[in-house]
N, C-alpha and C. Protein backbone atom coordinates (compact mmCIF):
# COMPACT_ATOMS: atom_id res chain seq x y z
N MET A 1 14.24 -8.19 22.86
CA MET A 1 12.89 -7.82 22.36
C MET A 1 11.83 -8.37 23.35
N ARG A 2 10.83 -7.57 23.64
CA ARG A 2 9.73 -7.95 24.51
C ARG A 2 8.75 -8.84 23.69
N ASP A 3 7.90 -9.48 24.42
CA ASP A 3 6.88 -10.34 23.76
C ASP A 3 5.97 -9.53 22.89
N GLU A 4 5.61 -10.09 21.77
CA GLU A 4 4.64 -9.51 20.87
C GLU A 4 3.27 -9.92 21.25
N ILE A 5 2.28 -9.02 20.95
CA ILE A 5 0.86 -9.33 21.24
C ILE A 5 0.07 -9.08 19.96
N PHE A 6 -0.87 -9.96 19.67
CA PHE A 6 -1.73 -9.77 18.48
C PHE A 6 -3.13 -10.30 18.94
N GLN A 7 -4.14 -9.47 18.88
CA GLN A 7 -5.51 -9.81 19.16
C GLN A 7 -6.41 -9.16 18.13
N SER A 8 -7.43 -9.86 17.70
CA SER A 8 -8.34 -9.29 16.74
C SER A 8 -9.74 -9.83 16.89
N ALA A 9 -10.69 -9.13 16.25
CA ALA A 9 -12.09 -9.61 16.23
C ALA A 9 -12.67 -9.10 14.92
N VAL A 10 -13.26 -10.03 14.19
CA VAL A 10 -13.96 -9.79 12.95
C VAL A 10 -15.41 -9.59 13.20
N ARG A 11 -15.99 -8.56 12.61
CA ARG A 11 -17.46 -8.34 12.76
C ARG A 11 -18.19 -9.49 12.15
N SER A 12 -19.41 -9.78 12.61
CA SER A 12 -20.20 -11.00 12.20
C SER A 12 -20.40 -11.04 10.74
N ASP A 13 -20.40 -9.97 9.98
CA ASP A 13 -20.62 -10.03 8.56
C ASP A 13 -19.30 -10.26 7.78
N GLY A 14 -18.14 -10.30 8.53
CA GLY A 14 -16.87 -10.58 7.93
C GLY A 14 -16.23 -9.48 7.15
N GLY A 15 -16.78 -8.32 7.14
CA GLY A 15 -16.27 -7.25 6.34
C GLY A 15 -15.28 -6.26 6.97
N VAL A 16 -15.33 -6.21 8.35
CA VAL A 16 -14.49 -5.29 9.10
C VAL A 16 -13.93 -5.98 10.35
N ALA A 17 -12.70 -5.59 10.71
CA ALA A 17 -12.05 -6.14 11.88
C ALA A 17 -11.43 -5.13 12.73
N GLY A 18 -11.33 -5.37 14.05
CA GLY A 18 -10.53 -4.56 14.95
C GLY A 18 -9.29 -5.39 15.25
N VAL A 19 -8.12 -4.78 15.26
CA VAL A 19 -6.88 -5.52 15.50
C VAL A 19 -5.97 -4.65 16.45
N PHE A 20 -5.46 -5.39 17.48
CA PHE A 20 -4.43 -4.79 18.30
C PHE A 20 -3.16 -5.53 18.04
N GLU A 21 -2.05 -4.80 17.89
CA GLU A 21 -0.80 -5.35 17.57
C GLU A 21 0.28 -4.63 18.37
N PHE A 22 1.06 -5.38 19.21
CA PHE A 22 2.21 -4.84 19.91
C PHE A 22 3.42 -5.56 19.35
N ASP A 23 4.34 -4.86 18.78
CA ASP A 23 5.53 -5.48 18.13
C ASP A 23 6.75 -5.67 19.05
N GLY A 24 6.56 -5.43 20.36
CA GLY A 24 7.68 -5.53 21.27
C GLY A 24 8.12 -4.14 21.68
N ASP A 25 7.78 -3.11 20.97
CA ASP A 25 8.15 -1.74 21.32
C ASP A 25 6.95 -0.79 21.36
N VAL A 26 6.04 -0.93 20.38
CA VAL A 26 4.89 -0.05 20.33
C VAL A 26 3.65 -0.83 19.94
N GLY A 27 2.51 -0.39 20.52
CA GLY A 27 1.19 -1.04 20.24
C GLY A 27 0.23 -0.15 19.59
N TYR A 28 -0.45 -0.66 18.51
CA TYR A 28 -1.45 0.15 17.80
C TYR A 28 -2.74 -0.70 17.73
N PHE A 29 -3.79 0.06 17.72
CA PHE A 29 -5.16 -0.55 17.51
C PHE A 29 -5.55 -0.01 16.13
N TYR A 30 -6.04 -0.96 15.30
CA TYR A 30 -6.40 -0.73 13.93
C TYR A 30 -7.82 -1.09 13.62
N LEU A 31 -8.44 -0.40 12.70
CA LEU A 31 -9.72 -0.74 12.08
C LEU A 31 -9.38 -1.21 10.67
N TYR A 32 -9.71 -2.45 10.36
CA TYR A 32 -9.40 -3.01 9.02
C TYR A 32 -10.68 -3.15 8.26
N ASP A 33 -10.60 -2.80 6.93
CA ASP A 33 -11.63 -3.04 5.94
C ASP A 33 -11.20 -4.28 5.15
N LEU A 34 -11.76 -5.39 5.45
CA LEU A 34 -11.35 -6.66 4.88
C LEU A 34 -11.77 -6.83 3.43
N SER A 35 -12.58 -5.94 2.90
CA SER A 35 -13.03 -5.98 1.49
C SER A 35 -11.90 -5.45 0.59
N LYS A 36 -10.92 -4.76 1.15
CA LYS A 36 -9.87 -4.14 0.35
C LYS A 36 -8.68 -5.08 0.22
N GLY A 37 -7.84 -4.86 -0.75
CA GLY A 37 -6.68 -5.70 -0.98
C GLY A 37 -5.59 -5.47 0.11
N LYS A 38 -4.71 -6.48 0.24
CA LYS A 38 -3.59 -6.34 1.15
C LYS A 38 -2.84 -5.00 0.99
N GLY A 39 -2.46 -4.40 2.06
CA GLY A 39 -1.75 -3.11 1.97
C GLY A 39 -2.68 -1.90 1.91
N ASN A 40 -3.99 -2.14 1.79
CA ASN A 40 -4.96 -1.05 1.73
C ASN A 40 -6.10 -1.28 2.71
N GLN A 41 -5.91 -2.19 3.65
CA GLN A 41 -7.02 -2.59 4.54
C GLN A 41 -7.16 -1.71 5.79
N ILE A 42 -6.12 -0.96 6.18
CA ILE A 42 -6.21 -0.15 7.40
C ILE A 42 -7.06 1.07 7.09
N SER A 43 -8.22 1.21 7.80
CA SER A 43 -9.09 2.30 7.63
C SER A 43 -8.76 3.45 8.66
N SER A 44 -8.27 3.02 9.83
CA SER A 44 -8.01 3.97 10.90
C SER A 44 -7.07 3.31 11.92
N SER A 45 -6.24 4.14 12.61
CA SER A 45 -5.39 3.54 13.64
C SER A 45 -5.18 4.49 14.76
N MET A 46 -4.75 3.92 15.88
CA MET A 46 -4.51 4.67 17.08
C MET A 46 -3.22 4.12 17.78
N ARG A 47 -2.32 4.96 18.16
CA ARG A 47 -1.21 4.45 19.01
C ARG A 47 -1.79 4.30 20.40
N ILE A 48 -1.55 3.12 20.99
CA ILE A 48 -2.11 2.78 22.28
C ILE A 48 -1.02 2.84 23.39
N VAL A 49 0.17 2.24 23.12
CA VAL A 49 1.16 2.10 24.15
C VAL A 49 2.55 2.00 23.54
N SER A 50 3.55 2.40 24.28
CA SER A 50 4.94 2.17 23.89
C SER A 50 5.76 1.91 25.12
N GLY A 51 6.91 1.29 24.89
CA GLY A 51 7.80 1.01 26.04
C GLY A 51 7.38 -0.26 26.77
N ASP A 52 7.72 -0.29 28.04
CA ASP A 52 7.47 -1.46 28.89
C ASP A 52 6.01 -1.57 29.13
N LEU A 53 5.49 -2.83 29.09
CA LEU A 53 4.09 -3.12 29.33
C LEU A 53 3.88 -3.62 30.73
N ASP A 54 2.80 -3.31 31.33
CA ASP A 54 2.39 -3.93 32.60
C ASP A 54 1.25 -4.93 32.42
N PHE A 55 1.08 -5.34 31.15
CA PHE A 55 0.03 -6.38 30.85
C PHE A 55 0.63 -7.31 29.81
N SER A 56 -0.04 -8.42 29.61
CA SER A 56 0.41 -9.43 28.64
C SER A 56 -0.78 -9.84 27.72
N GLU A 57 -0.53 -10.72 26.77
CA GLU A 57 -1.52 -11.09 25.81
C GLU A 57 -2.85 -11.50 26.40
N PRO A 58 -2.85 -12.33 27.44
CA PRO A 58 -4.17 -12.75 28.03
C PRO A 58 -4.99 -11.59 28.57
N ASP A 59 -4.35 -10.42 28.83
CA ASP A 59 -5.08 -9.24 29.39
C ASP A 59 -5.73 -8.39 28.31
N VAL A 60 -5.52 -8.76 27.02
CA VAL A 60 -6.03 -7.95 25.91
C VAL A 60 -7.12 -8.67 25.21
N ARG A 61 -8.20 -7.88 24.89
CA ARG A 61 -9.36 -8.43 24.18
C ARG A 61 -9.89 -7.38 23.20
N VAL A 62 -10.20 -7.78 22.03
CA VAL A 62 -10.87 -6.94 21.01
C VAL A 62 -12.25 -7.51 20.81
N SER A 63 -13.31 -6.66 20.89
CA SER A 63 -14.67 -7.17 20.65
C SER A 63 -15.54 -6.08 20.10
N TRP A 64 -16.60 -6.58 19.48
CA TRP A 64 -17.58 -5.69 18.86
C TRP A 64 -18.75 -5.42 19.81
N ASN A 65 -19.36 -4.23 19.71
CA ASN A 65 -20.46 -3.93 20.62
C ASN A 65 -21.75 -4.67 20.16
N LYS A 66 -22.82 -4.54 20.92
CA LYS A 66 -24.01 -5.26 20.70
C LYS A 66 -24.61 -5.04 19.32
N SER A 67 -24.51 -3.81 18.80
CA SER A 67 -25.12 -3.60 17.40
C SER A 67 -24.10 -3.78 16.30
N GLY A 68 -22.86 -4.10 16.58
CA GLY A 68 -21.84 -4.40 15.55
C GLY A 68 -21.37 -3.19 14.82
N ASN A 69 -21.52 -1.93 15.42
CA ASN A 69 -21.03 -0.75 14.71
C ASN A 69 -19.84 -0.12 15.40
N ILE A 70 -19.36 -0.68 16.55
CA ILE A 70 -18.18 -0.19 17.22
C ILE A 70 -17.40 -1.36 17.71
N VAL A 71 -16.13 -1.26 17.44
CA VAL A 71 -15.19 -2.30 17.95
C VAL A 71 -14.30 -1.67 19.04
N GLY A 72 -14.09 -2.44 20.15
CA GLY A 72 -13.34 -1.89 21.27
C GLY A 72 -12.12 -2.70 21.61
N LEU A 73 -11.15 -2.04 22.21
CA LEU A 73 -9.93 -2.64 22.73
C LEU A 73 -10.02 -2.61 24.26
N TYR A 74 -10.02 -3.79 24.86
CA TYR A 74 -10.03 -3.91 26.32
C TYR A 74 -8.70 -4.37 26.79
N ILE A 75 -8.18 -3.70 27.82
CA ILE A 75 -6.94 -4.09 28.51
C ILE A 75 -7.39 -4.30 29.95
N ARG A 76 -7.14 -5.44 30.47
CA ARG A 76 -7.62 -5.89 31.85
C ARG A 76 -9.05 -5.56 32.08
N ASP A 77 -9.86 -5.95 31.10
CA ASP A 77 -11.36 -5.80 31.14
C ASP A 77 -11.85 -4.37 31.26
N GLN A 78 -10.97 -3.37 30.87
CA GLN A 78 -11.41 -1.99 30.78
C GLN A 78 -11.32 -1.56 29.31
N LEU A 79 -12.39 -0.90 28.84
CA LEU A 79 -12.35 -0.39 27.43
C LEU A 79 -11.47 0.80 27.39
N TRP A 80 -10.38 0.75 26.61
CA TRP A 80 -9.40 1.78 26.50
C TRP A 80 -9.53 2.55 25.17
N ALA A 81 -9.98 1.89 24.09
CA ALA A 81 -10.08 2.52 22.80
C ALA A 81 -11.17 1.87 21.99
N ALA A 82 -11.72 2.65 21.05
CA ALA A 82 -12.72 2.06 20.14
C ALA A 82 -12.79 2.85 18.86
N PHE A 83 -13.27 2.17 17.78
CA PHE A 83 -13.58 2.77 16.52
C PHE A 83 -15.01 2.49 16.19
N ASN A 84 -15.65 3.47 15.56
CA ASN A 84 -16.98 3.08 14.93
C ASN A 84 -16.61 2.64 13.50
N ILE A 85 -17.55 2.13 12.75
CA ILE A 85 -17.17 1.51 11.43
C ILE A 85 -16.79 2.56 10.40
N ARG A 86 -17.00 3.84 10.70
CA ARG A 86 -16.46 4.87 9.84
C ARG A 86 -15.07 5.33 10.13
N GLY A 87 -14.53 4.76 11.26
CA GLY A 87 -13.17 5.05 11.65
C GLY A 87 -13.05 6.15 12.68
N VAL A 88 -14.16 6.62 13.19
CA VAL A 88 -14.08 7.65 14.25
C VAL A 88 -13.46 7.05 15.47
N LYS A 89 -12.53 7.75 16.12
CA LYS A 89 -11.78 7.21 17.25
C LYS A 89 -12.35 7.69 18.57
N TYR A 90 -12.27 6.78 19.56
CA TYR A 90 -12.69 7.03 20.90
C TYR A 90 -11.58 6.53 21.84
N GLY A 91 -11.26 7.29 22.92
CA GLY A 91 -10.23 6.89 23.82
C GLY A 91 -8.89 6.90 23.23
N GLY A 92 -8.03 6.02 23.68
CA GLY A 92 -6.69 5.92 23.12
C GLY A 92 -5.59 5.46 24.03
N VAL A 93 -4.65 6.33 24.34
CA VAL A 93 -3.41 5.97 24.94
C VAL A 93 -3.63 5.35 26.33
N TYR A 94 -3.02 4.13 26.48
CA TYR A 94 -3.09 3.39 27.73
C TYR A 94 -1.97 3.87 28.66
N SER A 95 -2.27 3.98 29.92
CA SER A 95 -1.20 4.27 30.89
C SER A 95 -1.44 3.42 32.14
N PRO A 96 -0.45 2.80 32.70
CA PRO A 96 -0.61 1.98 33.90
C PRO A 96 -1.19 2.91 35.06
N GLY A 97 -2.24 2.38 35.67
CA GLY A 97 -2.96 3.13 36.72
C GLY A 97 -3.76 4.27 36.24
N GLY A 98 -3.83 4.49 34.90
CA GLY A 98 -4.64 5.57 34.28
C GLY A 98 -6.12 5.20 34.20
N VAL A 99 -6.85 6.17 33.71
CA VAL A 99 -8.27 6.01 33.56
C VAL A 99 -8.64 6.14 32.10
N PRO A 100 -9.34 5.21 31.49
CA PRO A 100 -9.66 5.33 30.10
C PRO A 100 -10.55 6.51 29.81
N MET A 101 -10.34 7.14 28.68
CA MET A 101 -11.17 8.30 28.24
C MET A 101 -12.31 7.86 27.38
N ILE A 102 -13.21 7.09 27.99
CA ILE A 102 -14.37 6.51 27.33
C ILE A 102 -15.63 7.01 28.02
N THR A 103 -16.60 7.44 27.21
CA THR A 103 -17.81 7.99 27.83
C THR A 103 -18.72 6.82 28.31
N ALA A 104 -19.58 7.13 29.22
CA ALA A 104 -20.53 6.13 29.76
C ALA A 104 -21.48 5.65 28.64
N ASP A 105 -21.87 6.53 27.71
CA ASP A 105 -22.74 6.05 26.61
C ASP A 105 -22.04 5.08 25.75
N LEU A 106 -20.83 5.30 25.42
CA LEU A 106 -20.05 4.33 24.58
C LEU A 106 -19.87 3.04 25.33
N LEU A 107 -19.51 3.09 26.59
CA LEU A 107 -19.37 1.91 27.35
C LEU A 107 -20.60 1.07 27.49
N SER A 108 -21.72 1.71 27.59
CA SER A 108 -23.02 1.01 27.74
C SER A 108 -23.44 0.35 26.44
N SER A 109 -22.84 0.73 25.33
CA SER A 109 -23.18 0.11 24.00
C SER A 109 -22.62 -1.33 23.85
N PHE A 110 -21.73 -1.73 24.76
CA PHE A 110 -21.04 -3.03 24.69
C PHE A 110 -21.70 -4.09 25.55
C-alpha cells in the first residue's frame, strides 16, 4: 500500500471544510458541511488522482480564497481543483506534467 495523504482547511466560520484524501489508491477532494451529522457531511466531491503519485503530503495544500467562498486544492503550489460553498466544481483531475483547468479569474480570487 502506498502512503496515505490527508489535508484539510476549515473556513473561518467553522461551518464548511475542504478535504483532500488519498487512501493509497485513489484521491478525492471533498466539500464538507460541518453542520450536518456524521455520514451526511459531504456536499460535493471530485476524483483527483489514482494510481502512482508523483507528489507526497508536503506537496498538498487546501486553502480558502480571500473572501472565504471558494476552497482550493493545491498540488505543488498549483491550484488544481476548487469548490464554491454551494458545491460548484472547478478544475479536477491531476496529471503529472499536466496543466490545471482553472480560469485566471478563479486563480486571482486566492
